[in-house]
Amino acid sequence: QVQLVESGGGLVQAGGSLRLSCAASGSIFSINVMGWYRQAPGKQRDLVAAITSGGSTSIADSVLGRFTISRDNAKNTVNLQMNSLNSEDTAVYYCAADGAGVNYWGKGTLVTVSS
């Protein structure tokens, strides 16, 4: 089992920045890919960014150039730096991890961007 705990969400004005962090614990040796998804009200949950244990990244087109994902394997954390936020970034952001074919999810952290 893997436990994921997110932090760093909150309210920010359009154009501002936030940094989300996710700490993993438990069977962390099984984790390969970690990432962030988001779900806006009434919409499906979409991938925002992902990173492998080797550091390869994948970023959604909608946030490319504004969001950066990073990972500290020694601390078992994954971070999402979000810049130039706009109202369309308002959503619950979920940390996710793929461990030996099993998907794990955090409880989510709310990001609200005010215009």
N, C-alpha and C. Protein backbone atom coordinates (compact mmCIF):
# COMPACT_ATOMS: atom_id res chain seq x y z
N GLN A 1 0.83 -1.19 0.00
CA GLN A 1 0.00 0.00 0.00
C GLN A 1 0.87 1.25 0.00
N VAL A 2 0.37 2.26 -0.68
CA VAL A 2 1.05 3.56 -0.74
C VAL A 2 0.06 4.62 -0.28
N GLN A 3 0.52 5.50 0.58
CA GLN A 3 -0.29 6.63 1.02
C GLN A 3 0.28 7.91 0.44
N LEU A 4 -0.63 8.75 -0.03
CA LEU A 4 -0.23 10.03 -0.64
C LEU A 4 -0.95 11.16 0.07
N VAL A 5 -0.18 12.17 0.46
CA VAL A 5 -0.77 13.32 1.15
C VAL A 5 -0.34 14.59 0.44
N GLU A 6 -1.35 15.34 -0.03
CA GLU A 6 -1.07 16.58 -0.75
C GLU A 6 -1.09 17.77 0.20
N SER A 7 -0.40 18.82 -0.20
CA SER A 7 -0.44 20.08 0.53
C SER A 7 -0.15 21.20 -0.45
N GLY A 8 -0.52 22.42 -0.05
CA GLY A 8 -0.16 23.59 -0.84
C GLY A 8 -1.28 24.24 -1.61
N GLY A 9 -2.46 23.68 -1.58
CA GLY A 9 -3.56 24.31 -2.30
C GLY A 9 -4.03 25.56 -1.59
N GLY A 10 -4.94 26.27 -2.24
CA GLY A 10 -5.49 27.47 -1.62
C GLY A 10 -6.06 28.42 -2.65
N LEU A 11 -6.27 29.65 -2.21
CA LEU A 11 -6.84 30.69 -3.05
C LEU A 11 -5.73 31.61 -3.54
N VAL A 12 -5.74 31.89 -4.83
CA VAL A 12 -4.73 32.75 -5.42
C VAL A 12 -5.38 33.61 -6.50
N GLN A 13 -4.86 34.80 -6.70
CA GLN A 13 -5.37 35.67 -7.75
C GLN A 13 -4.83 35.24 -9.11
N ALA A 14 -5.58 35.55 -10.12
CA ALA A 14 -5.14 35.24 -11.48
C ALA A 14 -3.78 35.89 -11.73
N GLY A 15 -2.92 35.11 -12.36
CA GLY A 15 -1.56 35.57 -12.61
C GLY A 15 -0.58 35.16 -11.53
N GLY A 16 -1.09 34.66 -10.43
CA GLY A 16 -0.24 34.28 -9.32
C GLY A 16 0.31 32.87 -9.45
N SER A 17 0.97 32.44 -8.39
CA SER A 17 1.63 31.13 -8.39
C SER A 17 1.28 30.35 -7.12
N LEU A 18 1.32 29.04 -7.24
CA LEU A 18 1.18 28.14 -6.11
C LEU A 18 2.10 26.95 -6.33
N ARG A 19 2.49 26.34 -5.23
CA ARG A 19 3.32 25.13 -5.31
C ARG A 19 2.63 24.04 -4.51
N LEU A 20 2.31 22.96 -5.20
CA LEU A 20 1.70 21.80 -4.55
C LEU A 20 2.79 20.77 -4.25
N SER A 21 2.64 20.12 -3.12
CA SER A 21 3.56 19.05 -2.75
C SER A 21 2.78 17.80 -2.40
N CYS A 22 3.39 16.68 -2.64
CA CYS A 22 2.78 15.39 -2.33
C CYS A 22 3.84 14.50 -1.70
N ALA A 23 3.53 14.00 -0.52
CA ALA A 23 4.46 13.11 0.18
C ALA A 23 3.93 11.68 0.12
N ALA A 24 4.77 10.77 -0.28
CA ALA A 24 4.39 9.36 -0.36
C ALA A 24 4.99 8.58 0.80
N SER A 25 4.24 7.62 1.28
CA SER A 25 4.72 6.73 2.33
C SER A 25 4.16 5.34 2.11
N GLY A 26 4.70 4.39 2.82
CA GLY A 26 4.25 3.01 2.65
C GLY A 26 5.19 2.25 1.73
N SER A 27 4.63 1.52 0.81
CA SER A 27 5.41 0.68 -0.10
C SER A 27 5.97 1.51 -1.25
N ILE A 28 6.77 2.48 -0.90
CA ILE A 28 7.26 3.44 -1.89
C ILE A 28 8.25 2.82 -2.86
N PHE A 29 8.82 1.68 -2.50
CA PHE A 29 9.78 1.04 -3.39
C PHE A 29 9.12 0.60 -4.69
N SER A 30 7.80 0.46 -4.65
CA SER A 30 7.07 -0.02 -5.83
C SER A 30 6.69 1.09 -6.79
N ILE A 31 6.89 2.33 -6.38
CA ILE A 31 6.42 3.46 -7.19
C ILE A 31 7.35 3.73 -8.36
N ASN A 32 6.76 3.85 -9.55
CA ASN A 32 7.53 4.30 -10.72
C ASN A 32 7.08 5.71 -11.09
N VAL A 33 5.86 5.82 -11.57
CA VAL A 33 5.37 7.12 -12.02
C VAL A 33 4.58 7.81 -10.91
N MET A 34 4.83 9.08 -10.74
CA MET A 34 4.02 9.92 -9.87
C MET A 34 3.53 11.10 -10.68
N GLY A 35 2.40 11.63 -10.28
CA GLY A 35 1.88 12.74 -11.06
C GLY A 35 0.76 13.48 -10.37
N TRP A 36 0.23 14.44 -11.09
CA TRP A 36 -0.87 15.26 -10.62
C TRP A 36 -2.00 15.23 -11.64
N TYR A 37 -3.20 15.04 -11.13
CA TYR A 37 -4.41 15.16 -11.92
C TYR A 37 -5.23 16.30 -11.33
N ARG A 38 -6.20 16.77 -12.10
CA ARG A 38 -7.11 17.78 -11.56
C ARG A 38 -8.52 17.52 -12.08
N GLN A 39 -9.46 17.94 -11.25
CA GLN A 39 -10.86 17.78 -11.62
C GLN A 39 -11.60 19.05 -11.26
N ALA A 40 -12.10 19.72 -12.29
CA ALA A 40 -12.91 20.92 -12.09
C ALA A 40 -14.36 20.50 -11.90
N PRO A 41 -15.18 21.35 -11.29
CA PRO A 41 -16.58 21.01 -11.07
C PRO A 41 -17.29 20.63 -12.36
N GLY A 42 -17.93 19.47 -12.35
CA GLY A 42 -18.68 19.02 -13.51
C GLY A 42 -17.85 18.46 -14.64
N LYS A 43 -16.56 18.30 -14.42
CA LYS A 43 -15.69 17.81 -15.48
C LYS A 43 -14.98 16.54 -15.04
N GLN A 44 -14.39 15.86 -15.99
CA GLN A 44 -13.66 14.64 -15.67
C GLN A 44 -12.29 14.98 -15.08
N ARG A 45 -11.70 13.96 -14.48
CA ARG A 45 -10.37 14.12 -13.91
C ARG A 45 -9.34 13.95 -15.02
N ASP A 46 -8.49 14.93 -15.17
CA ASP A 46 -7.51 14.93 -16.25
C ASP A 46 -6.09 14.97 -15.71
N LEU A 47 -5.19 14.36 -16.46
CA LEU A 47 -3.78 14.40 -16.11
C LEU A 47 -3.23 15.81 -16.35
N VAL A 48 -2.49 16.30 -15.37
CA VAL A 48 -1.82 17.60 -15.51
C VAL A 48 -0.34 17.39 -15.83
N ALA A 49 0.30 16.56 -15.05
CA ALA A 49 1.73 16.32 -15.25
C ALA A 49 2.12 15.03 -14.56
N ALA A 50 3.13 14.37 -15.12
CA ALA A 50 3.62 13.13 -14.53
C ALA A 50 5.14 13.07 -14.66
N ILE A 51 5.75 12.30 -13.78
CA ILE A 51 7.21 12.16 -13.79
C ILE A 51 7.57 10.76 -13.36
N THR A 52 8.52 10.17 -14.06
CA THR A 52 8.97 8.84 -13.70
C THR A 52 10.07 8.91 -12.66
N SER A 53 10.44 7.75 -12.13
CA SER A 53 11.52 7.73 -11.14
C SER A 53 12.84 8.16 -11.76
N GLY A 54 12.95 8.04 -13.08
CA GLY A 54 14.16 8.47 -13.77
C GLY A 54 14.16 9.93 -14.16
N GLY A 55 13.03 10.61 -13.93
CA GLY A 55 12.97 12.04 -14.20
C GLY A 55 12.32 12.44 -15.51
N SER A 56 11.84 11.49 -16.29
CA SER A 56 11.14 11.83 -17.52
C SER A 56 9.78 12.42 -17.17
N THR A 57 9.41 13.47 -17.87
CA THR A 57 8.17 14.17 -17.54
C THR A 57 7.20 14.21 -18.72
N SER A 58 5.94 14.37 -18.36
CA SER A 58 4.88 14.56 -19.33
C SER A 58 3.99 15.67 -18.80
N ILE A 59 3.73 16.68 -19.63
CA ILE A 59 2.96 17.84 -19.20
C ILE A 59 1.78 18.03 -20.15
N ALA A 60 0.61 18.29 -19.61
CA ALA A 60 -0.56 18.54 -20.44
C ALA A 60 -0.38 19.83 -21.22
N ASP A 61 -0.90 19.85 -22.43
CA ASP A 61 -0.76 21.02 -23.29
C ASP A 61 -1.34 22.27 -22.63
N SER A 62 -2.40 22.10 -21.87
CA SER A 62 -3.09 23.25 -21.28
C SER A 62 -2.25 23.98 -20.24
N VAL A 63 -1.22 23.32 -19.71
CA VAL A 63 -0.40 23.95 -18.68
C VAL A 63 1.06 24.04 -19.08
N LEU A 64 1.37 23.59 -20.27
CA LEU A 64 2.76 23.59 -20.74
C LEU A 64 3.30 25.01 -20.74
N GLY A 65 4.49 25.16 -20.16
CA GLY A 65 5.10 26.48 -20.07
C GLY A 65 4.73 27.24 -18.81
N ARG A 66 3.70 26.77 -18.11
CA ARG A 66 3.27 27.44 -16.87
C ARG A 66 3.50 26.56 -15.63
N PHE A 67 3.33 25.27 -15.79
CA PHE A 67 3.48 24.32 -14.68
C PHE A 67 4.74 23.50 -14.86
N THR A 68 5.37 23.19 -13.75
CA THR A 68 6.56 22.34 -13.76
C THR A 68 6.43 21.27 -12.68
N ILE A 69 6.72 20.04 -13.05
CA ILE A 69 6.68 18.95 -12.08
C ILE A 69 8.10 18.55 -11.73
N SER A 70 8.32 18.24 -10.46
CA SER A 70 9.63 17.79 -10.01
C SER A 70 9.45 16.70 -8.97
N ARG A 71 10.51 15.98 -8.74
CA ARG A 71 10.41 14.83 -7.84
C ARG A 71 11.71 14.70 -7.06
N ASP A 72 11.57 14.38 -5.79
CA ASP A 72 12.72 14.11 -4.93
C ASP A 72 12.60 12.67 -4.46
N ASN A 73 13.31 11.78 -5.10
CA ASN A 73 13.19 10.36 -4.78
C ASN A 73 13.68 10.06 -3.36
N ALA A 74 14.65 10.83 -2.88
CA ALA A 74 15.17 10.60 -1.54
C ALA A 74 14.14 10.95 -0.47
N LYS A 75 13.32 11.97 -0.75
CA LYS A 75 12.30 12.40 0.20
C LYS A 75 10.93 11.84 -0.13
N ASN A 76 10.84 11.12 -1.25
CA ASN A 76 9.56 10.52 -1.68
C ASN A 76 8.48 11.58 -1.85
N THR A 77 8.86 12.67 -2.49
CA THR A 77 7.90 13.75 -2.73
C THR A 77 7.86 14.10 -4.21
N VAL A 78 6.72 14.63 -4.62
CA VAL A 78 6.58 15.16 -5.96
C VAL A 78 5.92 16.52 -5.82
N ASN A 79 6.41 17.48 -6.58
CA ASN A 79 5.93 18.85 -6.47
C ASN A 79 5.40 19.34 -7.80
N LEU A 80 4.47 20.25 -7.73
CA LEU A 80 3.92 20.89 -8.93
C LEU A 80 3.99 22.39 -8.72
N GLN A 81 4.87 23.03 -9.46
CA GLN A 81 4.98 24.48 -9.42
C GLN A 81 4.06 25.04 -10.48
N MET A 82 3.11 25.88 -10.05
CA MET A 82 2.10 26.42 -10.96
C MET A 82 2.25 27.93 -11.03
N ASN A 83 2.55 28.43 -12.21
CA ASN A 83 2.71 29.86 -12.43
C ASN A 83 1.67 30.37 -13.41
N SER A 84 1.49 31.67 -13.43
CA SER A 84 0.55 32.32 -14.35
C SER A 84 -0.83 31.65 -14.30
N LEU A 85 -1.31 31.46 -13.11
CA LEU A 85 -2.58 30.76 -12.94
C LEU A 85 -3.74 31.59 -13.47
N ASN A 86 -4.72 30.91 -14.01
CA ASN A 86 -5.94 31.57 -14.47
C ASN A 86 -7.14 30.80 -13.96
N SER A 87 -8.32 31.34 -14.20
CA SER A 87 -9.54 30.76 -13.64
C SER A 87 -9.78 29.33 -14.11
N GLU A 88 -9.28 28.99 -15.28
CA GLU A 88 -9.47 27.63 -15.79
C GLU A 88 -8.62 26.61 -15.04
N ASP A 89 -7.72 27.07 -14.21
CA ASP A 89 -6.91 26.16 -13.40
C ASP A 89 -7.60 25.82 -12.08
N THR A 90 -8.73 26.45 -11.80
CA THR A 90 -9.47 26.13 -10.58
C THR A 90 -9.96 24.69 -10.63
N ALA A 91 -9.58 23.92 -9.61
CA ALA A 91 -9.93 22.51 -9.58
C ALA A 91 -9.42 21.89 -8.29
N VAL A 92 -9.85 20.68 -8.05
CA VAL A 92 -9.22 19.87 -7.01
C VAL A 92 -8.06 19.13 -7.67
N TYR A 93 -6.90 19.25 -7.09
CA TYR A 93 -5.70 18.62 -7.63
C TYR A 93 -5.37 17.38 -6.80
N TYR A 94 -5.20 16.28 -7.51
CA TYR A 94 -4.94 15.00 -6.87
C TYR A 94 -3.53 14.51 -7.21
N CYS A 95 -2.84 14.06 -6.19
CA CYS A 95 -1.57 13.38 -6.40
C CYS A 95 -1.86 11.92 -6.71
N ALA A 96 -1.10 11.35 -7.62
CA ALA A 96 -1.29 9.96 -8.01
C ALA A 96 0.05 9.26 -8.13
N ALA A 97 0.03 7.97 -7.90
CA ALA A 97 1.25 7.17 -8.03
C ALA A 97 0.91 5.81 -8.60
N ASP A 98 1.81 5.32 -9.43
CA ASP A 98 1.65 4.00 -10.03
C ASP A 98 2.68 3.10 -9.37
N GLY A 99 2.20 2.14 -8.60
CA GLY A 99 3.09 1.23 -7.92
C GLY A 99 2.83 -0.20 -8.33
N ALA A 100 3.70 -0.78 -9.15
CA ALA A 100 3.57 -2.16 -9.60
C ALA A 100 2.20 -2.41 -10.23
N GLY A 101 1.76 -1.46 -11.01
CA GLY A 101 0.50 -1.62 -11.72
C GLY A 101 -0.73 -1.21 -10.94
N VAL A 102 -0.55 -0.81 -9.71
CA VAL A 102 -1.66 -0.36 -8.88
C VAL A 102 -1.64 1.17 -8.81
N ASN A 103 -2.77 1.77 -9.04
CA ASN A 103 -2.88 3.23 -8.97
C ASN A 103 -3.31 3.67 -7.58
N TYR A 104 -2.57 4.62 -7.03
CA TYR A 104 -2.90 5.17 -5.73
C TYR A 104 -3.24 6.65 -5.89
N TRP A 105 -4.11 7.12 -5.02
CA TRP A 105 -4.57 8.52 -5.09
C TRP A 105 -4.52 9.17 -3.73
N GLY A 106 -4.17 10.47 -3.74
CA GLY A 106 -4.34 11.25 -2.55
C GLY A 106 -5.79 11.73 -2.45
N LYS A 107 -6.10 12.44 -1.36
CA LYS A 107 -7.47 12.91 -1.16
C LYS A 107 -7.76 14.19 -1.92
N GLY A 108 -6.73 14.85 -2.40
CA GLY A 108 -6.91 16.05 -3.19
C GLY A 108 -6.75 17.32 -2.40
N THR A 109 -6.36 18.37 -3.11
CA THR A 109 -6.23 19.70 -2.51
C THR A 109 -6.85 20.71 -3.48
N LEU A 110 -7.65 21.61 -2.94
CA LEU A 110 -8.39 22.55 -3.76
C LEU A 110 -7.54 23.76 -4.11
N VAL A 111 -7.53 24.07 -5.40
CA VAL A 111 -6.89 25.28 -5.89
C VAL A 111 -7.98 26.16 -6.50
N THR A 112 -8.10 27.38 -5.99
CA THR A 112 -9.09 28.31 -6.50
C THR A 112 -8.38 29.56 -6.99
N VAL A 113 -8.61 29.90 -8.26
CA VAL A 113 -7.99 31.07 -8.85
C VAL A 113 -9.08 32.13 -9.05
N SER A 114 -8.90 33.26 -8.42
CA SER A 114 -9.89 34.33 -8.52
C SER A 114 -9.46 35.33 -9.60
N SER A 115 -10.44 35.79 -10.33
CA SER A 115 -10.15 36.72 -11.43
C SER A 115 -10.31 38.16 -11.00
